[in-house]
Amino acid sequence: MELIRKALNRDIRLKLLASGALLLFGELLCIYAFQLNGAIVIVGIVLTVLGIKYTRDAILNRNVDKTPLMQLLQKEPKKIVWIYSVVTQRMPFGLEFAKDATIYFKLIDGDEITLSMSEKETNEVLKTLNLKLPHATFGYTKDREQWFMADPAMLYRER
């Protein structure tokens, strides 16, 4: 669970960084285009407002234990019916640079939550989740995707 917390913290920091960059870019557009073009100023104002909103949201939602994923894992684990991961390799010029993984949490209501982390941590997280969520199906197949689209409840494992 500590690896999940670490990944969620990283996501929160990235959201804060991106929203701050959006805010800064909007401000710079407003300042430097004020004399040149009114349309660019309007775009700058819109970006500034969006930056303020997203920065505010990121600051207010920085508590990892209150994220939707942690709330589900702690209070309503039965809502998670299917978990699988997808590994992405970054290979510029044919050289392996990094491997990242995204863990998909598919919910009984048809929604999904994703969590990004390094490939090395993914296996440990999936083993822990397999013990914590014995009712959920693990791993991706085309059949499971079709079952999920038809009725997510079909992915409950019987124990």
C-alpha atoms as a PDB file:
ATOM      1  CA  MET A   1       0.000   0.000   0.000  1.00  0.00           C
ATOM      2  CA  GLU A   2       2.949   2.303   0.563  1.00  0.00           C
ATOM      3  CA  LEU A   3       3.859   2.057  -3.125  1.00  0.00           C
ATOM      4  CA  ILE A   4       0.313   3.103  -4.049  1.00  0.00           C
ATOM      5  CA  ARG A   5       0.581   6.080  -1.695  1.00  0.00           C
ATOM      6  CA  LYS A   6       3.914   7.017  -3.261  1.00  0.00           C
ATOM      7  CA  ALA A   7       2.456   6.858  -6.784  1.00  0.00           C
ATOM      8  CA  LEU A   8      -0.571   8.912  -5.747  1.00  0.00           C
ATOM      9  CA  ASN A   9       1.713  11.521  -4.140  1.00  0.00           C
ATOM     10  CA  ARG A  10       3.675  11.746  -7.392  1.00  0.00           C
ATOM     11  CA  ASP A  11       0.428  12.226  -9.343  1.00  0.00           C
ATOM     12  CA  ILE A  12      -0.652  15.004  -6.976  1.00  0.00           C
ATOM     13  CA  ARG A  13       2.721  16.765  -7.362  1.00  0.00           C
ATOM     14  CA  LEU A  14       2.534  16.477 -11.164  1.00  0.00           C
ATOM     15  CA  LYS A  15      -0.983  17.944 -11.181  1.00  0.00           C
ATOM     16  CA  LEU A  16       0.209  20.817  -9.005  1.00  0.00           C
ATOM     17  CA  LEU A  17       3.199  21.422 -11.281  1.00  0.00           C
ATOM     18  CA  ALA A  18       1.068  21.326 -14.458  1.00  0.00           C
ATOM     19  CA  SER A  19      -1.591  23.631 -13.033  1.00  0.00           C
ATOM     20  CA  GLY A  20       1.079  26.064 -11.823  1.00  0.00           C
ATOM     21  CA  ALA A  21       2.669  26.050 -15.285  1.00  0.00           C
ATOM     22  CA  LEU A  22      -0.734  26.742 -16.852  1.00  0.00           C
ATOM     23  CA  LEU A  23      -1.267  29.631 -14.450  1.00  0.00           C
ATOM     24  CA  LEU A  24       2.171  31.070 -15.190  1.00  0.00           C
ATOM     25  CA  PHE A  25       1.746  30.706 -18.959  1.00  0.00           C
ATOM     26  CA  GLY A  26      -1.635  32.447 -18.804  1.00  0.00           C
ATOM     27  CA  GLU A  27      -0.159  35.304 -16.797  1.00  0.00           C
ATOM     28  CA  LEU A  28       2.746  35.688 -19.213  1.00  0.00           C
ATOM     29  CA  LEU A  29       0.349  35.802 -22.165  1.00  0.00           C
ATOM     30  CA  CYS A  30      -1.668  38.512 -20.456  1.00  0.00           C
ATOM     31  CA  ILE A  31       1.372  40.597 -19.586  1.00  0.00           C
ATOM     32  CA  TYR A  32       3.280  40.381 -22.864  1.00  0.00           C
ATOM     33  CA  ALA A  33       0.349  40.460 -25.292  1.00  0.00           C
ATOM     34  CA  PHE A  34      -1.564  43.260 -23.579  1.00  0.00           C
ATOM     35  CA  GLN A  35      -0.447  45.893 -26.117  1.00  0.00           C
ATOM     36  CA  LEU A  36      -0.335  43.557 -29.119  1.00  0.00           C
ATOM     37  CA  ASN A  37      -3.489  41.515 -29.488  1.00  0.00           C
ATOM     38  CA  GLY A  38      -6.747  41.443 -27.537  1.00  0.00           C
ATOM     39  CA  ALA A  39      -7.528  37.845 -28.551  1.00  0.00           C
ATOM     40  CA  ILE A  40      -4.265  36.599 -27.056  1.00  0.00           C
ATOM     41  CA  VAL A  41      -5.048  38.470 -23.849  1.00  0.00           C
ATOM     42  CA  ILE A  42      -8.431  36.722 -23.686  1.00  0.00           C
ATOM     43  CA  VAL A  43      -6.702  33.339 -24.151  1.00  0.00           C
ATOM     44  CA  GLY A  44      -4.265  34.353 -21.401  1.00  0.00           C
ATOM     45  CA  ILE A  45      -7.126  35.245 -19.062  1.00  0.00           C
ATOM     46  CA  VAL A  46      -8.861  31.926 -19.744  1.00  0.00           C
ATOM     47  CA  LEU A  47      -5.608  30.010 -19.114  1.00  0.00           C
ATOM     48  CA  THR A  48      -5.016  31.994 -15.930  1.00  0.00           C
ATOM     49  CA  VAL A  49      -8.497  31.236 -14.615  1.00  0.00           C
ATOM     50  CA  LEU A  50      -8.101  27.543 -15.464  1.00  0.00           C
ATOM     51  CA  GLY A  51      -4.655  27.554 -13.830  1.00  0.00           C
ATOM     52  CA  ILE A  52      -6.096  29.068 -10.666  1.00  0.00           C
ATOM     53  CA  LYS A  53      -8.927  26.520 -10.588  1.00  0.00           C
ATOM     54  CA  TYR A  54      -6.660  23.508 -11.166  1.00  0.00           C
ATOM     55  CA  THR A  55      -4.032  24.770  -8.710  1.00  0.00           C
ATOM     56  CA  ARG A  56      -6.728  25.284  -6.086  1.00  0.00           C
ATOM     57  CA  ASP A  57      -8.113  21.785  -6.722  1.00  0.00           C
ATOM     58  CA  ALA A  58      -4.639  20.255  -6.512  1.00  0.00           C
ATOM     59  CA  ILE A  59      -3.911  22.020  -3.220  1.00  0.00           C
ATOM     60  CA  LEU A  60      -7.273  21.098  -1.691  1.00  0.00           C
ATOM     61  CA  ASN A  61      -6.983  17.444  -2.780  1.00  0.00           C
ATOM     62  CA  ARG A  62      -3.385  16.823  -1.784  1.00  0.00           C
ATOM     63  CA  ASN A  63      -4.268  14.370   1.007  1.00  0.00           C
ATOM     64  CA  VAL A  64      -3.513  10.901  -0.412  1.00  0.00           C
ATOM     65  CA  ASP A  65      -5.955   9.159   1.926  1.00  0.00           C
ATOM     66  CA  LYS A  66      -8.832  11.187   0.486  1.00  0.00           C
ATOM     67  CA  THR A  67      -8.157  10.298  -3.151  1.00  0.00           C
ATOM     68  CA  PRO A  68     -10.866   8.213  -4.821  1.00  0.00           C
ATOM     69  CA  LEU A  69      -8.578   5.189  -5.149  1.00  0.00           C
ATOM     70  CA  MET A  70      -7.579   5.125  -1.482  1.00  0.00           C
ATOM     71  CA  GLN A  71     -11.193   5.663  -0.429  1.00  0.00           C
ATOM     72  CA  LEU A  72     -12.208   2.660  -2.522  1.00  0.00           C
ATOM     73  CA  LEU A  73      -9.398   0.450  -1.233  1.00  0.00           C
ATOM     74  CA  GLN A  74     -10.093   1.351   2.389  1.00  0.00           C
ATOM     75  CA  LYS A  75     -13.880   1.670   2.523  1.00  0.00           C
ATOM     76  CA  GLU A  76     -15.448   0.020  -0.521  1.00  0.00           C
ATOM     77  CA  PRO A  77     -13.072  -2.576  -1.985  1.00  0.00           C
ATOM     78  CA  LYS A  78     -15.995  -4.637  -3.358  1.00  0.00           C
ATOM     79  CA  LYS A  79     -16.600  -1.916  -5.968  1.00  0.00           C
ATOM     80  CA  ILE A  80     -13.343  -2.906  -7.704  1.00  0.00           C
ATOM     81  CA  VAL A  81     -14.048  -5.838 -10.023  1.00  0.00           C
ATOM     82  CA  TRP A  82     -11.062  -5.977 -12.406  1.00  0.00           C
ATOM     83  CA  ILE A  83      -7.427  -4.915 -12.163  1.00  0.00           C
ATOM     84  CA  TYR A  84      -4.773  -5.114 -14.845  1.00  0.00           C
ATOM     85  CA  SER A  85      -1.605  -3.322 -15.820  1.00  0.00           C
ATOM     86  CA  VAL A  86      -0.129  -2.123 -19.091  1.00  0.00           C
ATOM     87  CA  VAL A  87       3.626  -1.596 -19.430  1.00  0.00           C
ATOM     88  CA  THR A  88       4.900   1.218 -21.665  1.00  0.00           C
ATOM     89  CA  GLN A  89       8.470   1.174 -22.919  1.00  0.00           C
ATOM     90  CA  ARG A  90      10.232   4.370 -23.940  1.00  0.00           C
ATOM     91  CA  MET A  91      12.794   3.521 -26.568  1.00  0.00           C
ATOM     92  CA  PRO A  92      14.233   6.600 -28.288  1.00  0.00           C
ATOM     93  CA  PHE A  93      16.552   5.578 -31.125  1.00  0.00           C
ATOM     94  CA  GLY A  94      15.939   1.906 -30.289  1.00  0.00           C
ATOM     95  CA  LEU A  95      17.521   2.125 -26.829  1.00  0.00           C
ATOM     96  CA  GLU A  96      15.389   1.243 -23.859  1.00  0.00           C
ATOM     97  CA  PHE A  97      15.137   4.367 -21.758  1.00  0.00           C
ATOM     98  CA  ALA A  98      12.453   3.557 -19.218  1.00  0.00           C
ATOM     99  CA  LYS A  99       9.549   1.258 -18.499  1.00  0.00           C
ATOM    100  CA  ASP A 100       6.453   2.635 -16.861  1.00  0.00           C
ATOM    101  CA  ALA A 101       3.260   0.853 -16.001  1.00  0.00           C
ATOM    102  CA  THR A 102      -0.316   1.949 -15.633  1.00  0.00           C
ATOM    103  CA  ILE A 103      -2.576  -0.040 -13.347  1.00  0.00           C
ATOM    104  CA  TYR A 104      -6.237   0.052 -14.323  1.00  0.00           C
ATOM    105  CA  PHE A 105      -8.876  -0.358 -11.623  1.00  0.00           C
ATOM    106  CA  LYS A 106     -12.227  -1.154 -13.235  1.00  0.00           C
ATOM    107  CA  LEU A 107     -15.246  -0.534 -11.035  1.00  0.00           C
ATOM    108  CA  ILE A 108     -18.655  -2.196 -10.748  1.00  0.00           C
ATOM    109  CA  ASP A 109     -20.364   0.972 -12.033  1.00  0.00           C
ATOM    110  CA  GLY A 110     -18.329   0.898 -15.267  1.00  0.00           C
ATOM    111  CA  ASP A 111     -15.869   3.613 -14.266  1.00  0.00           C
ATOM    112  CA  GLU A 112     -12.118   3.232 -14.075  1.00  0.00           C
ATOM    113  CA  ILE A 113      -9.277   4.680 -12.057  1.00  0.00           C
ATOM    114  CA  THR A 114      -5.707   4.596 -13.315  1.00  0.00           C
ATOM    115  CA  LEU A 115      -2.462   4.725 -11.402  1.00  0.00           C
ATOM    116  CA  SER A 116       0.967   5.208 -12.992  1.00  0.00           C
ATOM    117  CA  MET A 117       4.148   3.834 -11.471  1.00  0.00           C
ATOM    118  CA  SER A 118       7.410   2.187 -12.420  1.00  0.00           C
ATOM    119  CA  GLU A 119       7.274  -1.302 -13.861  1.00  0.00           C
ATOM    120  CA  LYS A 120       9.384  -2.689 -10.994  1.00  0.00           C
ATOM    121  CA  GLU A 121       6.846  -1.597  -8.381  1.00  0.00           C
ATOM    122  CA  THR A 122       3.839  -2.869 -10.320  1.00  0.00           C
ATOM    123  CA  ASN A 123       4.359  -6.578  -9.635  1.00  0.00           C
ATOM    124  CA  GLU A 124       4.599  -6.011  -5.877  1.00  0.00           C
ATOM    125  CA  VAL A 125       1.510  -3.796  -5.880  1.00  0.00           C
ATOM    126  CA  LEU A 126      -0.483  -6.348  -7.883  1.00  0.00           C
ATOM    127  CA  LYS A 127       0.503  -9.158  -5.486  1.00  0.00           C
ATOM    128  CA  THR A 128      -0.626  -7.069  -2.512  1.00  0.00           C
ATOM    129  CA  LEU A 129      -3.878  -6.127  -4.221  1.00  0.00           C
ATOM    130  CA  ASN A 130      -4.523  -9.770  -5.103  1.00  0.00           C
ATOM    131  CA  LEU A 131      -4.426 -10.607  -1.388  1.00  0.00           C
ATOM    132  CA  LYS A 132      -6.473  -7.553  -0.381  1.00  0.00           C
ATOM    133  CA  LEU A 133      -9.094  -7.957  -3.133  1.00  0.00           C
ATOM    134  CA  PRO A 134      -9.758 -11.692  -3.510  1.00  0.00           C
ATOM    135  CA  HIS A 135     -13.081 -10.989  -5.248  1.00  0.00           C
ATOM    136  CA  ALA A 136     -11.513  -9.018  -8.127  1.00  0.00           C
ATOM    137  CA  THR A 137     -10.270 -10.450 -11.407  1.00  0.00           C
ATOM    138  CA  PHE A 138      -6.630  -9.758 -12.278  1.00  0.00           C
ATOM    139  CA  GLY A 139      -5.029  -9.563 -15.702  1.00  0.00           C
ATOM    140  CA  TYR A 140      -6.175  -8.427 -19.110  1.00  0.00           C
ATOM    141  CA  THR A 141      -7.799 -10.512 -21.824  1.00  0.00           C
ATOM    142  CA  LYS A 142     -10.129  -9.543 -24.658  1.00  0.00           C
ATOM    143  CA  ASP A 143     -12.825 -11.755 -23.120  1.00  0.00           C
ATOM    144  CA  ARG A 144     -12.623  -9.898 -19.821  1.00  0.00           C
ATOM    145  CA  GLU A 145     -12.910  -6.587 -21.632  1.00  0.00           C
ATOM    146  CA  GLN A 146     -16.083  -7.800 -23.345  1.00  0.00           C
ATOM    147  CA  TRP A 147     -17.462  -9.114 -20.059  1.00  0.00           C
ATOM    148  CA  PHE A 148     -16.757  -5.769 -18.415  1.00  0.00           C
ATOM    149  CA  MET A 149     -18.516  -3.894 -21.213  1.00  0.00           C
ATOM    150  CA  ALA A 150     -21.524  -6.245 -20.981  1.00  0.00           C
ATOM    151  CA  ASP A 151     -21.780  -6.441 -17.189  1.00  0.00           C
ATOM    152  CA  PRO A 152     -18.932  -5.565 -14.785  1.00  0.00           C
ATOM    153  CA  ALA A 153     -20.378  -7.921 -12.160  1.00  0.00           C
ATOM    154  CA  MET A 154     -19.339 -10.850 -14.397  1.00  0.00           C
ATOM    155  CA  LEU A 155     -15.742 -10.213 -13.324  1.00  0.00           C
ATOM    156  CA  TYR A 156     -16.301 -11.041  -9.656  1.00  0.00           C
ATOM    157  CA  ARG A 157     -14.290 -14.126  -8.742  1.00  0.00           C
ATOM    158  CA  GLU A 158     -16.149 -16.699  -6.749  1.00  0.00           C
ATOM    159  CA  ARG A 159     -14.466 -17.863  -3.580  1.00  0.00           C
END
